[in-house]
Amino acid sequence: MSSQILVISDLHFDVGSHRGINESVALKWLHKIVAKEHPAALVGLGDWGCAWKPEDWKELLKQVRVYAIYGNHDNFLLLKSLKNSDGPKVLVGDGEMRGNWSTAVWFY
């Protein structure tokens, strides 16, 4: 098992283009990177995008454990409802620590 942690932010998975960038391919890109690198966890620092559907998250959570904070380009209610396959919620609260003391990640 990998001990690498993949950290992303501002994925902005949305329908269409913004400033000439096709944001609808962001989810495919993320799946490709996760499949290639096999990280132990994915930490998302907000702005996941608003085009996510529950089935998109289901596929990602099959690949990797996700810890997330939200930004201003997110579906907060959807993020709040998600759980990793082993039970912990995906959305992390302010000041919350995830992991054990040797591999802890704090979210502020």
PDB file of N, CA and C in Angstrom:
ATOM      1  N   MET A   1       0.838  -1.191   0.000  1.00  0.00           N
ATOM      2  CA  MET A   1       0.000   0.000   0.000  1.00  0.00           C
ATOM      3  C   MET A   1       0.880   1.251   0.000  1.00  0.00           C
ATOM      4  N   SER A   2       0.487   2.199  -0.751  1.00  0.00           N
ATOM      5  CA  SER A   2       1.228   3.449  -0.879  1.00  0.00           C
ATOM      6  C   SER A   2       1.116   4.284   0.396  1.00  0.00           C
ATOM      7  N   SER A   3       2.167   5.027   0.700  1.00  0.00           N
ATOM      8  CA  SER A   3       2.095   5.970   1.809  1.00  0.00           C
ATOM      9  C   SER A   3       2.013   7.406   1.292  1.00  0.00           C
ATOM     10  N   GLN A   4       1.836   7.545  -0.008  1.00  0.00           N
ATOM     11  CA  GLN A   4       1.733   8.868  -0.611  1.00  0.00           C
ATOM     12  C   GLN A   4       0.347   9.462  -0.381  1.00  0.00           C
ATOM     13  N   ILE A   5       0.329  10.763  -0.212  1.00  0.00           N
ATOM     14  CA  ILE A   5      -0.928  11.494  -0.115  1.00  0.00           C
ATOM     15  C   ILE A   5      -0.972  12.471  -1.281  1.00  0.00           C
ATOM     16  N   LEU A   6      -2.029  12.408  -2.052  1.00  0.00           N
ATOM     17  CA  LEU A   6      -2.238  13.314  -3.178  1.00  0.00           C
ATOM     18  C   LEU A   6      -3.072  14.495  -2.683  1.00  0.00           C
ATOM     19  N   VAL A   7      -2.577  15.695  -2.883  1.00  0.00           N
ATOM     20  CA  VAL A   7      -3.270  16.913  -2.453  1.00  0.00           C
ATOM     21  C   VAL A   7      -3.641  17.713  -3.689  1.00  0.00           C
ATOM     22  N   ILE A   8      -4.918  18.070  -3.788  1.00  0.00           N
ATOM     23  CA  ILE A   8      -5.380  18.885  -4.912  1.00  0.00           C
ATOM     24  C   ILE A   8      -6.221  20.047  -4.389  1.00  0.00           C
ATOM     25  N   SER A   9      -6.372  21.031  -5.221  1.00  0.00           N
ATOM     26  CA  SER A   9      -7.318  22.107  -4.925  1.00  0.00           C
ATOM     27  C   SER A   9      -7.805  22.674  -6.245  1.00  0.00           C
ATOM     28  N   ASP A  10      -8.922  23.327  -6.188  1.00  0.00           N
ATOM     29  CA  ASP A  10      -9.467  24.042  -7.345  1.00  0.00           C
ATOM     30  C   ASP A  10      -9.602  23.163  -8.584  1.00  0.00           C
ATOM     31  N   LEU A  11     -10.142  21.970  -8.378  1.00  0.00           N
ATOM     32  CA  LEU A  11     -10.387  21.078  -9.511  1.00  0.00           C
ATOM     33  C   LEU A  11     -11.432  21.690 -10.444  1.00  0.00           C
ATOM     34  N   HIS A  12     -12.430  22.340  -9.882  1.00  0.00           N
ATOM     35  CA  HIS A  12     -13.473  23.037 -10.647  1.00  0.00           C
ATOM     36  C   HIS A  12     -14.121  22.149 -11.706  1.00  0.00           C
ATOM     37  N   PHE A  13     -14.510  20.938 -11.309  1.00  0.00           N
ATOM     38  CA  PHE A  13     -15.220  20.061 -12.239  1.00  0.00           C
ATOM     39  C   PHE A  13     -16.608  20.652 -12.489  1.00  0.00           C
ATOM     40  N   ASP A  14     -16.773  21.223 -13.656  1.00  0.00           N
ATOM     41  CA  ASP A  14     -18.038  21.838 -14.046  1.00  0.00           C
ATOM     42  C   ASP A  14     -18.311  21.545 -15.513  1.00  0.00           C
ATOM     43  N   VAL A  15     -19.502  21.858 -15.925  1.00  0.00           N
ATOM     44  CA  VAL A  15     -19.892  21.658 -17.320  1.00  0.00           C
ATOM     45  C   VAL A  15     -19.445  22.874 -18.118  1.00  0.00           C
ATOM     46  N   GLY A  16     -18.774  22.626 -19.221  1.00  0.00           N
ATOM     47  CA  GLY A  16     -18.379  23.727 -20.097  1.00  0.00           C
ATOM     48  C   GLY A  16     -16.969  24.213 -19.854  1.00  0.00           C
ATOM     49  N   SER A  17     -16.694  25.391 -20.407  1.00  0.00           N
ATOM     50  CA  SER A  17     -15.360  25.973 -20.353  1.00  0.00           C
ATOM     51  C   SER A  17     -15.372  27.267 -19.565  1.00  0.00           C
ATOM     52  N   HIS A  18     -14.224  27.580 -18.997  1.00  0.00           N
ATOM     53  CA  HIS A  18     -14.027  28.843 -18.291  1.00  0.00           C
ATOM     54  C   HIS A  18     -12.665  29.383 -18.702  1.00  0.00           C
ATOM     55  N   ARG A  19     -12.639  30.569 -19.277  1.00  0.00           N
ATOM     56  CA  ARG A  19     -11.400  31.194 -19.749  1.00  0.00           C
ATOM     57  C   ARG A  19     -10.609  30.265 -20.672  1.00  0.00           C
ATOM     58  N   GLY A  20     -11.345  29.566 -21.525  1.00  0.00           N
ATOM     59  CA  GLY A  20     -10.716  28.706 -22.514  1.00  0.00           C
ATOM     60  C   GLY A  20     -10.318  27.321 -22.020  1.00  0.00           C
ATOM     61  N   ILE A  21     -10.609  27.015 -20.763  1.00  0.00           N
ATOM     62  CA  ILE A  21     -10.272  25.699 -20.206  1.00  0.00           C
ATOM     63  C   ILE A  21     -11.539  24.877 -20.082  1.00  0.00           C
ATOM     64  N   ASN A  22     -11.524  23.681 -20.670  1.00  0.00           N
ATOM     65  CA  ASN A  22     -12.664  22.773 -20.619  1.00  0.00           C
ATOM     66  C   ASN A  22     -12.688  22.088 -19.254  1.00  0.00           C
ATOM     67  N   GLU A  23     -13.512  22.589 -18.351  1.00  0.00           N
ATOM     68  CA  GLU A  23     -13.568  22.074 -16.990  1.00  0.00           C
ATOM     69  C   GLU A  23     -14.303  20.746 -16.883  1.00  0.00           C
ATOM     70  N   SER A  24     -14.984  20.326 -17.936  1.00  0.00           N
ATOM     71  CA  SER A  24     -15.738  19.075 -17.882  1.00  0.00           C
ATOM     72  C   SER A  24     -14.824  17.847 -17.914  1.00  0.00           C
ATOM     73  N   VAL A  25     -13.544  18.022 -18.223  1.00  0.00           N
ATOM     74  CA  VAL A  25     -12.612  16.887 -18.252  1.00  0.00           C
ATOM     75  C   VAL A  25     -11.856  16.705 -16.932  1.00  0.00           C
ATOM     76  N   ALA A  26     -12.113  17.555 -15.960  1.00  0.00           N
ATOM     77  CA  ALA A  26     -11.381  17.517 -14.694  1.00  0.00           C
ATOM     78  C   ALA A  26     -11.558  16.199 -13.956  1.00  0.00           C
ATOM     79  N   LEU A  27     -12.752  15.647 -13.964  1.00  0.00           N
ATOM     80  CA  LEU A  27     -12.983  14.392 -13.253  1.00  0.00           C
ATOM     81  C   LEU A  27     -12.214  13.244 -13.904  1.00  0.00           C
ATOM     82  N   LYS A  28     -12.179  13.191 -15.227  1.00  0.00           N
ATOM     83  CA  LYS A  28     -11.392  12.165 -15.924  1.00  0.00           C
ATOM     84  C   LYS A  28      -9.913  12.298 -15.567  1.00  0.00           C
ATOM     85  N   TRP A  29      -9.433  13.522 -15.527  1.00  0.00           N
ATOM     86  CA  TRP A  29      -8.040  13.767 -15.160  1.00  0.00           C
ATOM     87  C   TRP A  29      -7.758  13.237 -13.763  1.00  0.00           C
ATOM     88  N   LEU A  30      -8.660  13.523 -12.812  1.00  0.00           N
ATOM     89  CA  LEU A  30      -8.464  13.087 -11.435  1.00  0.00           C
ATOM     90  C   LEU A  30      -8.430  11.561 -11.344  1.00  0.00           C
ATOM     91  N   HIS A  31      -9.363  10.884 -12.016  1.00  0.00           N
ATOM     92  CA  HIS A  31      -9.362   9.415 -12.010  1.00  0.00           C
ATOM     93  C   HIS A  31      -8.052   8.872 -12.589  1.00  0.00           C
ATOM     94  N   LYS A  32      -7.573   9.489 -13.644  1.00  0.00           N
ATOM     95  CA  LYS A  32      -6.331   9.045 -14.293  1.00  0.00           C
ATOM     96  C   LYS A  32      -5.139   9.167 -13.338  1.00  0.00           C
ATOM     97  N   ILE A  33      -5.033  10.290 -12.643  1.00  0.00           N
ATOM     98  CA  ILE A  33      -3.926  10.516 -11.705  1.00  0.00           C
ATOM     99  C   ILE A  33      -3.997   9.540 -10.537  1.00  0.00           C
ATOM    100  N   VAL A  34      -5.188   9.350  -9.985  1.00  0.00           N
ATOM    101  CA  VAL A  34      -5.349   8.424  -8.858  1.00  0.00           C
ATOM    102  C   VAL A  34      -5.001   6.999  -9.290  1.00  0.00           C
ATOM    103  N   ALA A  35      -5.449   6.585 -10.477  1.00  0.00           N
ATOM    104  CA  ALA A  35      -5.144   5.247 -10.982  1.00  0.00           C
ATOM    105  C   ALA A  35      -3.644   5.068 -11.224  1.00  0.00           C
ATOM    106  N   LYS A  36      -2.983   6.111 -11.678  1.00  0.00           N
ATOM    107  CA  LYS A  36      -1.552   6.034 -11.967  1.00  0.00           C
ATOM    108  C   LYS A  36      -0.711   6.018 -10.687  1.00  0.00           C
ATOM    109  N   GLU A  37      -1.035   6.855  -9.731  1.00  0.00           N
ATOM    110  CA  GLU A  37      -0.205   7.050  -8.537  1.00  0.00           C
ATOM    111  C   GLU A  37      -0.582   6.154  -7.356  1.00  0.00           C
ATOM    112  N   HIS A  38      -1.823   5.685  -7.305  1.00  0.00           N
ATOM    113  CA  HIS A  38      -2.314   4.838  -6.200  1.00  0.00           C
ATOM    114  C   HIS A  38      -2.017   5.444  -4.823  1.00  0.00           C
ATOM    115  N   PRO A  39      -2.459   6.680  -4.576  1.00  0.00           N
ATOM    116  CA  PRO A  39      -2.163   7.288  -3.280  1.00  0.00           C
ATOM    117  C   PRO A  39      -2.939   6.601  -2.154  1.00  0.00           C
ATOM    118  N   ALA A  40      -2.399   6.693  -0.945  1.00  0.00           N
ATOM    119  CA  ALA A  40      -3.088   6.169   0.233  1.00  0.00           C
ATOM    120  C   ALA A  40      -4.315   7.013   0.549  1.00  0.00           C
ATOM    121  N   ALA A  41      -4.249   8.293   0.223  1.00  0.00           N
ATOM    122  CA  ALA A  41      -5.373   9.200   0.474  1.00  0.00           C
ATOM    123  C   ALA A  41      -5.302  10.368  -0.507  1.00  0.00           C
ATOM    124  N   LEU A  42      -6.453  10.963  -0.714  1.00  0.00           N
ATOM    125  CA  LEU A  42      -6.590  12.163  -1.532  1.00  0.00           C
ATOM    126  C   LEU A  42      -7.126  13.262  -0.631  1.00  0.00           C
ATOM    127  N   VAL A  43      -6.399  14.350  -0.543  1.00  0.00           N
ATOM    128  CA  VAL A  43      -6.832  15.507   0.235  1.00  0.00           C
ATOM    129  C   VAL A  43      -7.238  16.592  -0.749  1.00  0.00           C
ATOM    130  N   GLY A  44      -8.481  17.027  -0.652  1.00  0.00           N
ATOM    131  CA  GLY A  44      -8.995  18.070  -1.525  1.00  0.00           C
ATOM    132  C   GLY A  44      -9.213  19.350  -0.747  1.00  0.00           C
ATOM    133  N   LEU A  45      -8.588  20.428  -1.211  1.00  0.00           N
ATOM    134  CA  LEU A  45      -8.613  21.694  -0.484  1.00  0.00           C
ATOM    135  C   LEU A  45      -9.665  22.662  -1.000  1.00  0.00           C
ATOM    136  N   GLY A  46     -10.772  22.117  -1.429  1.00  0.00           N
ATOM    137  CA  GLY A  46     -11.892  22.956  -1.819  1.00  0.00           C
ATOM    138  C   GLY A  46     -11.962  23.252  -3.295  1.00  0.00           C
ATOM    139  N   ASP A  47     -13.102  23.796  -3.672  1.00  0.00           N
ATOM    140  CA  ASP A  47     -13.425  24.110  -5.060  1.00  0.00           C
ATOM    141  C   ASP A  47     -13.346  22.865  -5.951  1.00  0.00           C
ATOM    142  N   TRP A  48     -14.027  21.814  -5.506  1.00  0.00           N
ATOM    143  CA  TRP A  48     -14.126  20.578  -6.280  1.00  0.00           C
ATOM    144  C   TRP A  48     -14.891  20.823  -7.573  1.00  0.00           C
ATOM    145  N   GLY A  49     -15.839  21.721  -7.533  1.00  0.00           N
ATOM    146  CA  GLY A  49     -16.687  22.004  -8.686  1.00  0.00           C
ATOM    147  C   GLY A  49     -18.128  21.638  -8.373  1.00  0.00           C
ATOM    148  N   CYS A  50     -19.027  22.076  -9.224  1.00  0.00           N
ATOM    149  CA  CYS A  50     -20.457  21.896  -8.956  1.00  0.00           C
ATOM    150  C   CYS A  50     -21.126  20.831  -9.820  1.00  0.00           C
ATOM    151  N   ALA A  51     -20.391  20.190 -10.716  1.00  0.00           N
ATOM    152  CA  ALA A  51     -21.004  19.201 -11.611  1.00  0.00           C
ATOM    153  C   ALA A  51     -21.007  17.792 -11.024  1.00  0.00           C
ATOM    154  N   TRP A  52     -20.434  17.612  -9.853  1.00  0.00           N
ATOM    155  CA  TRP A  52     -20.368  16.279  -9.237  1.00  0.00           C
ATOM    156  C   TRP A  52     -21.756  15.717  -8.974  1.00  0.00           C
ATOM    157  N   LYS A  53     -21.905  14.447  -9.242  1.00  0.00           N
ATOM    158  CA  LYS A  53     -23.128  13.698  -8.912  1.00  0.00           C
ATOM    159  C   LYS A  53     -22.726  12.625  -7.907  1.00  0.00           C
ATOM    160  N   PRO A  54     -23.673  12.102  -7.143  1.00  0.00           N
ATOM    161  CA  PRO A  54     -23.338  11.053  -6.173  1.00  0.00           C
ATOM    162  C   PRO A  54     -22.588   9.881  -6.799  1.00  0.00           C
ATOM    163  N   GLU A  55     -22.936   9.507  -8.024  1.00  0.00           N
ATOM    164  CA  GLU A  55     -22.254   8.372  -8.660  1.00  0.00           C
ATOM    165  C   GLU A  55     -20.795   8.696  -9.009  1.00  0.00           C
ATOM    166  N   ASP A  56     -20.495   9.976  -9.273  1.00  0.00           N
ATOM    167  CA  ASP A  56     -19.104  10.379  -9.510  1.00  0.00           C
ATOM    168  C   ASP A  56     -18.267  10.140  -8.253  1.00  0.00           C
ATOM    169  N   TRP A  57     -18.822  10.559  -7.124  1.00  0.00           N
ATOM    170  CA  TRP A  57     -18.130  10.367  -5.850  1.00  0.00           C
ATOM    171  C   TRP A  57     -17.999   8.885  -5.526  1.00  0.00           C
ATOM    172  N   LYS A  58     -19.029   8.109  -5.804  1.00  0.00           N
ATOM    173  CA  LYS A  58     -18.995   6.680  -5.518  1.00  0.00           C
ATOM    174  C   LYS A  58     -17.821   6.020  -6.232  1.00  0.00           C
ATOM    175  N   GLU A  59     -17.614   6.374  -7.497  1.00  0.00           N
ATOM    176  CA  GLU A  59     -16.499   5.819  -8.270  1.00  0.00           C
ATOM    177  C   GLU A  59     -15.152   6.244  -7.682  1.00  0.00           C
ATOM    178  N   LEU A  60     -15.023   7.522  -7.319  1.00  0.00           N
ATOM    179  CA  LEU A  60     -13.766   8.004  -6.763  1.00  0.00           C
ATOM    180  C   LEU A  60     -13.478   7.329  -5.420  1.00  0.00           C
ATOM    181  N   LEU A  61     -14.500   7.195  -4.590  1.00  0.00           N
ATOM    182  CA  LEU A  61     -14.313   6.603  -3.262  1.00  0.00           C
ATOM    183  C   LEU A  61     -14.003   5.107  -3.323  1.00  0.00           C
ATOM    184  N   LYS A  62     -14.274   4.473  -4.455  1.00  0.00           N
ATOM    185  CA  LYS A  62     -13.830   3.091  -4.664  1.00  0.00           C
ATOM    186  C   LYS A  62     -12.320   3.042  -4.872  1.00  0.00           C
ATOM    187  N   GLN A  63     -11.764   4.113  -5.430  1.00  0.00           N
ATOM    188  CA  GLN A  63     -10.343   4.175  -5.764  1.00  0.00           C
ATOM    189  C   GLN A  63      -9.461   4.614  -4.601  1.00  0.00           C
ATOM    190  N   VAL A  64      -9.956   5.527  -3.779  1.00  0.00           N
ATOM    191  CA  VAL A  64      -9.085   6.169  -2.797  1.00  0.00           C
ATOM    192  C   VAL A  64      -9.909   6.755  -1.646  1.00  0.00           C
ATOM    193  N   ARG A  65      -9.295   6.793  -0.465  1.00  0.00           N
ATOM    194  CA  ARG A  65      -9.913   7.464   0.677  1.00  0.00           C
ATOM    195  C   ARG A  65      -9.754   8.969   0.455  1.00  0.00           C
ATOM    196  N   VAL A  66     -10.824   9.723   0.688  1.00  0.00           N
ATOM    197  CA  VAL A  66     -10.822  11.165   0.423  1.00  0.00           C
ATOM    198  C   VAL A  66     -11.106  11.939   1.703  1.00  0.00           C
ATOM    199  N   TYR A  67     -10.310  12.973   1.917  1.00  0.00           N
ATOM    200  CA  TYR A  67     -10.545  13.959   2.966  1.00  0.00           C
ATOM    201  C   TYR A  67     -10.719  15.295   2.260  1.00  0.00           C
ATOM    202  N   ALA A  68     -11.758  16.024   2.613  1.00  0.00           N
ATOM    203  CA  ALA A  68     -12.057  17.241   1.866  1.00  0.00           C
ATOM    204  C   ALA A  68     -12.482  18.386   2.770  1.00  0.00           C
ATOM    205  N   ILE A  69     -12.107  19.573   2.348  1.00  0.00           N
ATOM    206  CA  ILE A  69     -12.728  20.779   2.854  1.00  0.00           C
ATOM    207  C   ILE A  69     -13.464  21.390   1.663  1.00  0.00           C
ATOM    208  N   TYR A  70     -14.351  22.313   1.938  1.00  0.00           N
ATOM    209  CA  TYR A  70     -15.139  22.872   0.838  1.00  0.00           C
ATOM    210  C   TYR A  70     -14.710  24.296   0.544  1.00  0.00           C
ATOM    211  N   GLY A  71     -15.020  24.693  -0.673  1.00  0.00           N
ATOM    212  CA  GLY A  71     -14.747  26.056  -1.111  1.00  0.00           C
ATOM    213  C   GLY A  71     -16.027  26.698  -1.604  1.00  0.00           C
ATOM    214  N   ASN A  72     -15.894  27.755  -2.365  1.00  0.00           N
ATOM    215  CA  ASN A  72     -17.078  28.460  -2.851  1.00  0.00           C
ATOM    216  C   ASN A  72     -17.574  27.933  -4.197  1.00  0.00           C
ATOM    217  N   HIS A  73     -16.945  26.880  -4.728  1.00  0.00           N
ATOM    218  CA  HIS A  73     -17.398  26.235  -5.964  1.00  0.00           C
ATOM    219  C   HIS A  73     -17.646  24.763  -5.682  1.00  0.00           C
ATOM    220  N   ASP A  74     -18.515  24.499  -4.730  1.00  0.00           N
ATOM    221  CA  ASP A  74     -18.800  23.129  -4.302  1.00  0.00           C
ATOM    222  C   ASP A  74     -20.277  22.953  -4.001  1.00  0.00           C
ATOM    223  N   ASN A  75     -20.708  21.708  -4.076  1.00  0.00           N
ATOM    224  CA  ASN A  75     -22.038  21.330  -3.616  1.00  0.00           C
ATOM    225  C   ASN A  75     -21.864  20.881  -2.171  1.00  0.00           C
ATOM    226  N   PHE A  76     -22.013  21.819  -1.245  1.00  0.00           N
ATOM    227  CA  PHE A  76     -21.760  21.555   0.172  1.00  0.00           C
ATOM    228  C   PHE A  76     -22.616  20.410   0.699  1.00  0.00           C
ATOM    229  N   LEU A  77     -23.888  20.390   0.362  1.00  0.00           N
ATOM    230  CA  LEU A  77     -24.768  19.336   0.881  1.00  0.00           C
ATOM    231  C   LEU A  77     -24.342  17.954   0.404  1.00  0.00           C
ATOM    232  N   LEU A  78     -23.902  17.852  -0.845  1.00  0.00           N
ATOM    233  CA  LEU A  78     -23.414  16.571  -1.347  1.00  0.00           C
ATOM    234  C   LEU A  78     -22.128  16.181  -0.624  1.00  0.00           C
ATOM    235  N   LEU A  79     -21.184  17.097  -0.512  1.00  0.00           N
ATOM    236  CA  LEU A  79     -19.938  16.794   0.203  1.00  0.00           C
ATOM    237  C   LEU A  79     -20.217  16.341   1.629  1.00  0.00           C
ATOM    238  N   LYS A  80     -21.142  17.006   2.281  1.00  0.00           N
ATOM    239  CA  LYS A  80     -21.478  16.695   3.671  1.00  0.00           C
ATOM    240  C   LYS A  80     -22.069  15.290   3.815  1.00  0.00           C
ATOM    241  N   SER A  81     -22.703  14.774   2.781  1.00  0.00           N
ATOM    242  CA  SER A  81     -23.363  13.466   2.857  1.00  0.00           C
ATOM    243  C   SER A  81     -22.430  12.290   2.560  1.00  0.00           C
ATOM    244  N   LEU A  82     -21.232  12.552   2.058  1.00  0.00           N
ATOM    245  CA  LEU A  82     -20.351  11.485   1.588  1.00  0.00           C
ATOM    246  C   LEU A  82     -19.559  10.830   2.703  1.00  0.00           C
ATOM    247  N   LYS A  83     -19.368   9.506   2.550  1.00  0.00           N
ATOM    248  CA  LYS A  83     -18.536   8.747   3.479  1.00  0.00           C
ATOM    249  C   LYS A  83     -17.564   7.883   2.689  1.00  0.00           C
ATOM    250  N   ASN A  84     -16.383   7.712   3.258  1.00  0.00           N
ATOM    251  CA  ASN A  84     -15.414   6.788   2.686  1.00  0.00           C
ATOM    252  C   ASN A  84     -15.908   5.358   2.893  1.00  0.00           C
ATOM    253  N   SER A  85     -15.358   4.423   2.143  1.00  0.00           N
ATOM    254  CA  SER A  85     -15.836   3.042   2.185  1.00  0.00           C
ATOM    255  C   SER A  85     -15.675   2.406   3.568  1.00  0.00           C
ATOM    256  N   ASP A  86     -14.725   2.892   4.372  1.00  0.00           N
ATOM    257  CA  ASP A  86     -14.541   2.351   5.717  1.00  0.00           C
ATOM    258  C   ASP A  86     -15.256   3.171   6.784  1.00  0.00           C
ATOM    259  N   GLY A  87     -16.097   4.123   6.374  1.00  0.00           N
ATOM    260  CA  GLY A  87     -16.967   4.814   7.311  1.00  0.00           C
ATOM    261  C   GLY A  87     -16.756   6.286   7.578  1.00  0.00           C
ATOM    262  N   PRO A  88     -15.507   6.799   7.693  1.00  0.00           N
ATOM    263  CA  PRO A  88     -15.344   8.217   8.020  1.00  0.00           C
ATOM    264  C   PRO A  88     -15.920   9.139   6.950  1.00  0.00           C
ATOM    265  N   LYS A  89     -16.467  10.253   7.400  1.00  0.00           N
ATOM    266  CA  LYS A  89     -17.000  11.231   6.463  1.00  0.00           C
ATOM    267  C   LYS A  89     -15.887  11.822   5.608  1.00  0.00           C
ATOM    268  N   VAL A  90     -16.230  12.169   4.387  1.00  0.00           N
ATOM    269  CA  VAL A  90     -15.290  12.800   3.466  1.00  0.00           C
ATOM    270  C   VAL A  90     -15.017  14.230   3.901  1.00  0.00           C
ATOM    271  N   LEU A  91     -16.063  14.967   4.238  1.00  0.00           N
ATOM    272  CA  LEU A  91     -15.915  16.370   4.613  1.00  0.00           C
ATOM    273  C   LEU A  91     -15.340  16.470   6.021  1.00  0.00           C
ATOM    274  N   VAL A  92     -14.266  17.211   6.151  1.00  0.00           N
ATOM    275  CA  VAL A  92     -13.559  17.350   7.412  1.00  0.00           C
ATOM    276  C   VAL A  92     -13.935  18.681   8.045  1.00  0.00           C
ATOM    277  N   GLY A  93     -14.152  18.667   9.352  1.00  0.00           N
ATOM    278  CA  GLY A  93     -14.506  19.884  10.064  1.00  0.00           C
ATOM    279  C   GLY A  93     -13.300  20.742  10.384  1.00  0.00           C
ATOM    280  N   ASP A  94     -13.526  22.023  10.617  1.00  0.00           N
ATOM    281  CA  ASP A  94     -12.456  22.948  10.982  1.00  0.00           C
ATOM    282  C   ASP A  94     -11.746  22.458  12.239  1.00  0.00           C
ATOM    283  N   GLY A  95     -10.425  22.385  12.189  1.00  0.00           N
ATOM    284  CA  GLY A  95      -9.631  21.963  13.331  1.00  0.00           C
ATOM    285  C   GLY A  95      -9.619  20.470  13.575  1.00  0.00           C
ATOM    286  N   GLU A  96     -10.252  19.716  12.713  1.00  0.00           N
ATOM    287  CA  GLU A  96     -10.339  18.264  12.890  1.00  0.00           C
ATOM    288  C   GLU A  96      -9.051  17.588  12.417  1.00  0.00           C
ATOM    289  N   MET A  97      -8.644  16.546  13.135  1.00  0.00           N
ATOM    290  CA  MET A  97      -7.475  15.775  12.757  1.00  0.00           C
ATOM    291  C   MET A  97      -7.937  14.427  12.206  1.00  0.00           C
ATOM    292  N   ARG A  98      -7.327  13.982  11.118  1.00  0.00           N
ATOM    293  CA  ARG A  98      -7.609  12.667  10.547  1.00  0.00           C
ATOM    294  C   ARG A  98      -6.309  11.886  10.504  1.00  0.00           C
ATOM    295  N   GLY A  99      -6.368  10.611  10.806  1.00  0.00           N
ATOM    296  CA  GLY A  99      -5.193   9.750  10.816  1.00  0.00           C
ATOM    297  C   GLY A  99      -4.721   9.527  12.241  1.00  0.00           C
ATOM    298  N   ASN A 100      -3.605   8.822  12.397  1.00  0.00           N
ATOM    299  CA  ASN A 100      -3.044   8.645  13.730  1.00  0.00           C
ATOM    300  C   ASN A 100      -1.922   9.653  13.931  1.00  0.00           C
ATOM    301  N   TRP A 101      -1.298   9.641  15.089  1.00  0.00           N
ATOM    302  CA  TRP A 101      -0.312  10.677  15.397  1.00  0.00           C
ATOM    303  C   TRP A 101       0.873  10.665  14.450  1.00  0.00           C
ATOM    304  N   SER A 102       1.209   9.513  13.887  1.00  0.00           N
ATOM    305  CA  SER A 102       2.372   9.482  12.992  1.00  0.00           C
ATOM    306  C   SER A 102       2.030   9.932  11.577  1.00  0.00           C
ATOM    307  N   THR A 103       0.754   9.890  11.220  1.00  0.00           N
ATOM    308  CA  THR A 103       0.354  10.272   9.861  1.00  0.00           C
ATOM    309  C   THR A 103      -0.768  11.293   9.868  1.00  0.00           C
ATOM    310  N   ALA A 104      -0.871  12.054  10.929  1.00  0.00           N
ATOM    311  CA  ALA A 104      -1.999  12.955  11.099  1.00  0.00           C
ATOM    312  C   ALA A 104      -1.988  14.094  10.068  1.00  0.00           C
ATOM    313  N   VAL A 105      -3.190  14.472   9.669  1.00  0.00           N
ATOM    314  CA  VAL A 105      -3.391  15.639   8.835  1.00  0.00           C
ATOM    315  C   VAL A 105      -4.415  16.506   9.547  1.00  0.00           C
ATOM    316  N   TRP A 106      -4.056  17.769   9.830  1.00  0.00           N
ATOM    317  CA  TRP A 106      -4.975  18.700  10.461  1.00  0.00           C
ATOM    318  C   TRP A 106      -5.579  19.601   9.404  1.00  0.00           C
ATOM    319  N   PHE A 107      -6.836  19.954   9.590  1.00  0.00           N
ATOM    320  CA  PHE A 107      -7.543  20.803   8.622  1.00  0.00           C
ATOM    321  C   PHE A 107      -8.012  22.077   9.317  1.00  0.00           C
ATOM    322  N   TYR A 108      -7.504  23.203   8.862  1.00  0.00           N
ATOM    323  CA  TYR A 108      -7.916  24.509   9.395  1.00  0.00           C
ATOM    324  C   TYR A 108      -8.335  25.401   8.268  1.00  0.00           C
TER     325      TYR A 108
END
